[in-house]
Protein backbone atom coordinates (compact mmCIF):
# COMPACT_ATOMS: atom_id res chain seq x y z
CA UNK A 1 -19.72 15.35 -31.69
CA UNK A 2 -19.74 13.96 -28.36
CA UNK A 3 -21.18 10.53 -28.01
CA UNK A 4 -24.03 9.24 -25.83
CA UNK A 5 -21.54 7.86 -23.24
CA UNK A 6 -19.80 11.13 -22.80
CA UNK A 7 -23.13 12.87 -22.40
CA UNK A 8 -24.37 10.30 -19.77
CA UNK A 9 -21.10 10.38 -17.66
CA UNK A 10 -18.72 12.61 -15.99
CA UNK A 11 -15.72 12.20 -13.46
CA UNK A 12 -15.44 12.76 -9.96
CA UNK A 13 -11.76 13.68 -9.01
CA UNK A 14 -10.80 13.65 -5.39
CA UNK A 15 -7.58 15.24 -4.44
CA UNK A 16 -5.82 16.77 -1.64
CA UNK A 17 -5.86 20.59 -1.52
CA UNK A 18 -2.30 21.99 -1.65
CA UNK A 19 -3.38 25.03 0.17
CA UNK A 20 -5.30 23.82 3.13
CA UNK A 21 -4.50 20.13 3.03
CA UNK A 22 -8.11 19.01 2.86
CA UNK A 23 -9.88 16.41 0.74
CA UNK A 24 -11.86 17.89 -2.22
CA UNK A 25 -13.94 16.14 -4.59
CA UNK A 26 -14.69 17.99 -7.97
CA UNK A 27 -17.08 16.97 -10.72
CA UNK A 28 -15.80 17.51 -14.46
CA UNK A 29 -16.87 16.49 -17.75
CA UNK A 30 -13.10 16.31 -18.92
CA UNK A 31 -9.95 14.97 -17.47
CA UNK A 32 -6.91 14.51 -19.78
CA UNK A 33 -3.02 14.67 -19.87
CA UNK A 34 -1.80 18.19 -18.98
CA UNK A 35 0.13 20.21 -21.22
CA UNK A 36 2.45 20.96 -18.26
CA UNK A 37 4.02 17.71 -18.27
CA UNK A 38 4.04 13.96 -17.54
CA UNK A 39 3.42 14.29 -13.87
CA UNK A 40 0.09 16.45 -14.34
CA UNK A 41 -3.67 15.87 -15.01
CA UNK A 42 -5.85 18.50 -16.53
CA UNK A 43 -9.43 18.70 -15.28
CA UNK A 44 -11.83 21.19 -16.96
CA UNK A 45 -15.53 21.85 -17.50
CA UNK A 46 -16.48 21.36 -13.97
CA UNK A 47 -20.03 20.56 -12.83
CA UNK A 48 -21.69 22.41 -9.81
CA UNK A 49 -25.39 21.29 -8.87
CA UNK A 50 -26.76 24.64 -7.54
CA UNK A 51 -30.18 24.56 -8.98
CA UNK A 52 -31.94 22.30 -6.24
CA UNK A 53 -34.21 23.43 -3.43
CA UNK A 54 -31.47 22.44 -0.85
CA UNK A 55 -28.44 24.58 -0.31
CA UNK A 56 -25.16 22.34 -0.20
CA UNK A 57 -22.51 24.76 1.30
CA UNK A 58 -19.81 22.72 0.16
CA UNK A 59 -20.92 22.73 -3.44
CA UNK A 60 -21.49 26.47 -3.27
CA UNK A 61 -18.07 27.17 -1.85
CA UNK A 62 -16.45 25.08 -4.54
CA UNK A 63 -18.39 26.67 -7.15
CA UNK A 64 -17.30 30.06 -5.85
CA UNK A 65 -13.48 29.06 -5.59
CA UNK A 66 -13.45 27.63 -9.24
CA UNK A 67 -15.95 30.03 -11.02
CA UNK A 68 -13.08 31.73 -13.03
CA UNK A 69 -10.76 28.76 -13.46
CA UNK A 70 -10.90 27.28 -17.08
CA UNK A 71 -8.93 23.97 -16.26
CA UNK A 72 -7.04 22.71 -13.06
CA UNK A 73 -3.77 21.13 -13.57
CA UNK A 74 -3.09 18.67 -10.40
CA UNK A 75 0.01 16.77 -9.75
CA UNK A 76 -0.33 13.01 -9.81
CA UNK A 77 0.68 12.83 -6.14
CA UNK A 78 -2.12 15.11 -5.07
CA UNK A 79 -4.69 12.86 -6.68
CA UNK A 80 -6.57 10.26 -4.59
CA UNK A 81 -8.90 8.89 -6.92
CA UNK A 82 -10.50 9.49 -10.50
CA UNK A 83 -13.89 7.72 -11.36
CA UNK A 84 -15.99 7.96 -14.38
CA UNK A 85 -19.58 7.75 -13.01
CA UNK A 86 -23.08 8.14 -14.71
CA UNK A 87 -25.40 11.13 -14.33
CA UNK A 88 -27.56 9.56 -11.39
CA UNK A 89 -24.24 9.55 -9.25
CA UNK A 90 -24.79 10.95 -5.78
CA UNK A 91 -21.22 11.47 -4.77
CA UNK A 92 -18.27 10.00 -2.73
CA UNK A 93 -18.15 10.66 0.96
CA UNK A 94 -14.76 10.81 2.69
CA UNK A 95 -16.04 11.33 6.21
CA UNK A 96 -12.79 11.14 7.73
CA UNK A 97 -9.08 11.70 6.48
CA UNK A 98 -7.17 8.88 8.05
CA UNK A 99 -4.04 9.61 6.14
CA UNK A 100 -2.29 10.85 9.37
CA UNK A 101 -4.06 8.70 11.77
CA UNK A 102 -1.75 7.16 14.40
CA UNK A 103 -2.97 4.08 16.31
CA UNK A 104 -1.64 3.16 19.54
CA UNK A 105 -1.66 -0.50 20.57
CA UNK A 106 -4.01 -0.97 23.60
CA UNK A 107 -2.25 -2.34 26.69
CA UNK A 108 -4.10 -5.58 27.42
CA UNK A 109 -2.30 -6.53 30.75
CA UNK A 110 -4.53 -6.49 33.61
CA UNK A 111 -4.59 -3.36 35.99
CA UNK A 112 -3.39 -3.84 39.55
CA UNK A 113 -5.94 -3.56 42.24
């Protein structure tokens, strides 16, 4: 039987999608070692919040994409973070992926007139 802690919390798994290279955050009730080997994590029992009045296109897209998937096995190098959070958690917001950001130093020398 599940403890009250398990009922009151879930996992937010943020990873880089291998197909499109975008960052995805999934909510799931179960995160465990994968049967595929040491370099994989198994995520199952996905949670999608689709019963609200406001339509969230990202949540809707994820629910359609993962509707027939029983469990997802992710390689360790694709995972950005795994957080165990309470049921009142609103979600992570990675507004910009800066993993490929290139910063050029500014030229501070005065410009000739």
